[in-house]
Protein backbone atom coordinates (compact mmCIF):
# COMPACT_ATOMS: atom_id res chain seq x y z
CA UNK A 1 -13.27 6.59 -20.68
CA UNK A 2 -16.07 8.08 -18.30
CA UNK A 3 -14.94 7.88 -14.74
CA UNK A 4 -17.57 7.94 -12.34
CA UNK A 5 -17.62 9.66 -8.89
CA UNK A 6 -16.43 6.43 -6.97
CA UNK A 7 -16.21 3.86 -9.85
CA UNK A 8 -12.88 2.43 -10.73
CA UNK A 9 -12.18 2.96 -14.45
CA UNK A 10 -9.49 1.54 -16.71
CA UNK A 11 -6.10 3.03 -17.56
CA UNK A 12 -3.26 1.01 -19.15
CA UNK A 13 -5.31 -2.11 -18.75
CA UNK A 14 -5.71 -1.49 -14.88
CA UNK A 15 -8.68 -0.73 -12.67
CA UNK A 16 -7.65 2.52 -10.84
CA UNK A 17 -9.11 5.36 -8.85
CA UNK A 18 -7.99 8.78 -8.34
CA UNK A 19 -7.00 10.32 -5.10
CA UNK A 20 -10.36 12.30 -5.05
CA UNK A 21 -12.27 9.15 -5.68
CA UNK A 22 -10.81 7.42 -2.61
CA UNK A 23 -11.40 10.52 -0.38
CA UNK A 24 -15.14 10.00 -1.30
CA UNK A 25 -15.42 6.40 -0.99
CA UNK A 26 -14.10 6.76 2.37
CA UNK A 27 -15.97 9.79 3.27
CA UNK A 28 -12.54 11.81 4.48
CA UNK A 29 -11.40 15.32 4.03
CA UNK A 30 -9.58 16.55 0.85
CA UNK A 31 -5.92 15.51 0.92
CA UNK A 32 -6.66 12.44 3.12
CA UNK A 33 -5.83 9.93 0.36
CA UNK A 34 -2.77 11.75 -0.81
CA UNK A 35 -1.33 12.09 2.73
CA UNK A 36 -1.76 8.10 2.92
CA UNK A 37 -0.36 7.98 -0.48
CA UNK A 38 2.79 9.59 0.44
CA UNK A 39 3.36 7.03 3.48
CA UNK A 40 3.17 4.00 1.27
CA UNK A 41 4.70 5.35 -2.09
CA UNK A 42 7.96 3.57 -1.30
CA UNK A 43 6.38 0.22 -0.90
CA UNK A 44 4.78 0.63 -4.59
CA UNK A 45 6.20 0.64 -8.05
CA UNK A 46 5.08 3.57 -10.33
CA UNK A 47 3.80 2.24 -13.65
CA UNK A 48 2.57 -0.89 -11.88
CA UNK A 49 0.90 0.17 -8.73
CA UNK A 50 0.26 3.82 -9.60
CA UNK A 51 0.37 5.95 -12.39
CA UNK A 52 1.29 9.93 -12.42
CA UNK A 53 -0.27 12.02 -14.96
CA UNK A 54 0.83 15.74 -15.68
CA UNK A 55 -0.72 18.36 -17.99
CA UNK A 56 1.70 17.67 -20.74
CA UNK A 57 0.88 14.62 -22.85
CA UNK A 58 -2.07 13.45 -20.86
CA UNK A 59 -4.56 16.21 -21.56
CA UNK A 60 -7.37 13.68 -22.96
CA UNK A 61 -7.54 11.66 -19.92
CA UNK A 62 -7.17 14.88 -17.57
CA UNK A 63 -9.99 16.34 -19.24
CA UNK A 64 -11.93 13.50 -19.04
CA UNK A 65 -11.16 13.49 -15.26
CA UNK A 66 -11.97 16.82 -14.64
CA UNK A 67 -15.34 16.45 -16.56
CA UNK A 68 -16.20 13.44 -14.47
CA UNK A 69 -15.52 15.56 -11.15
CA UNK A 70 -12.96 12.62 -10.41
CA UNK A 71 -9.97 14.85 -9.62
CA UNK A 72 -9.63 17.94 -7.27
CA UNK A 73 -9.90 21.32 -9.62
CA UNK A 74 -6.79 22.37 -8.14
CA UNK A 75 -4.63 19.54 -8.67
CA UNK A 76 -1.30 19.95 -10.47
CA UNK A 77 -0.39 16.20 -10.69
CA UNK A 78 -3.04 13.45 -11.04
CA UNK A 79 -2.47 10.07 -9.21
CA UNK A 80 -4.18 7.06 -10.44
CA UNK A 81 -4.29 4.05 -8.09
CA UNK A 82 -4.39 0.31 -8.49
CA UNK A 83 -6.36 -2.07 -6.38
CA UNK A 84 -2.69 -2.86 -5.04
CA UNK A 85 -1.98 0.61 -4.00
CA UNK A 86 -5.35 1.25 -2.61
CA UNK A 87 -5.13 -2.26 -0.54
CA UNK A 88 -1.76 -1.00 0.79
CA UNK A 89 -3.34 2.45 1.80
CA UNK A 90 -5.91 0.98 3.50
CA UNK A 91 -3.93 -1.41 5.76
CA UNK A 92 -1.85 1.65 6.27
CA UNK A 93 -4.40 4.03 7.43
CA UNK A 94 -6.94 1.39 8.59
CA UNK A 95 -9.32 3.03 5.74
CA UNK A 96 -12.60 0.99 5.32
CA UNK A 97 -12.93 -1.59 2.40
CA UNK A 98 -15.25 0.24 -0.07
């Protein structure tokens, strides 16, 4: 896996994006995608619409994401969003289609 700055990558058979990638794609300030994700999280299913990675057990993918500059250096938990989750976020926040 070699995530590009704004290109979706495969995780558990799903094309996903990080919150930082979404912020970049939409030219928004740091944290915008996270705030929108928090608003729609209740409408999404973890493990289907989004995945949460942590420092214990997900080291290889976390290292690749950091090396590819696809996550914020200060992030403690990494959220990966599928197209379904991103579509819900776009609808909620009127984000442009990227």
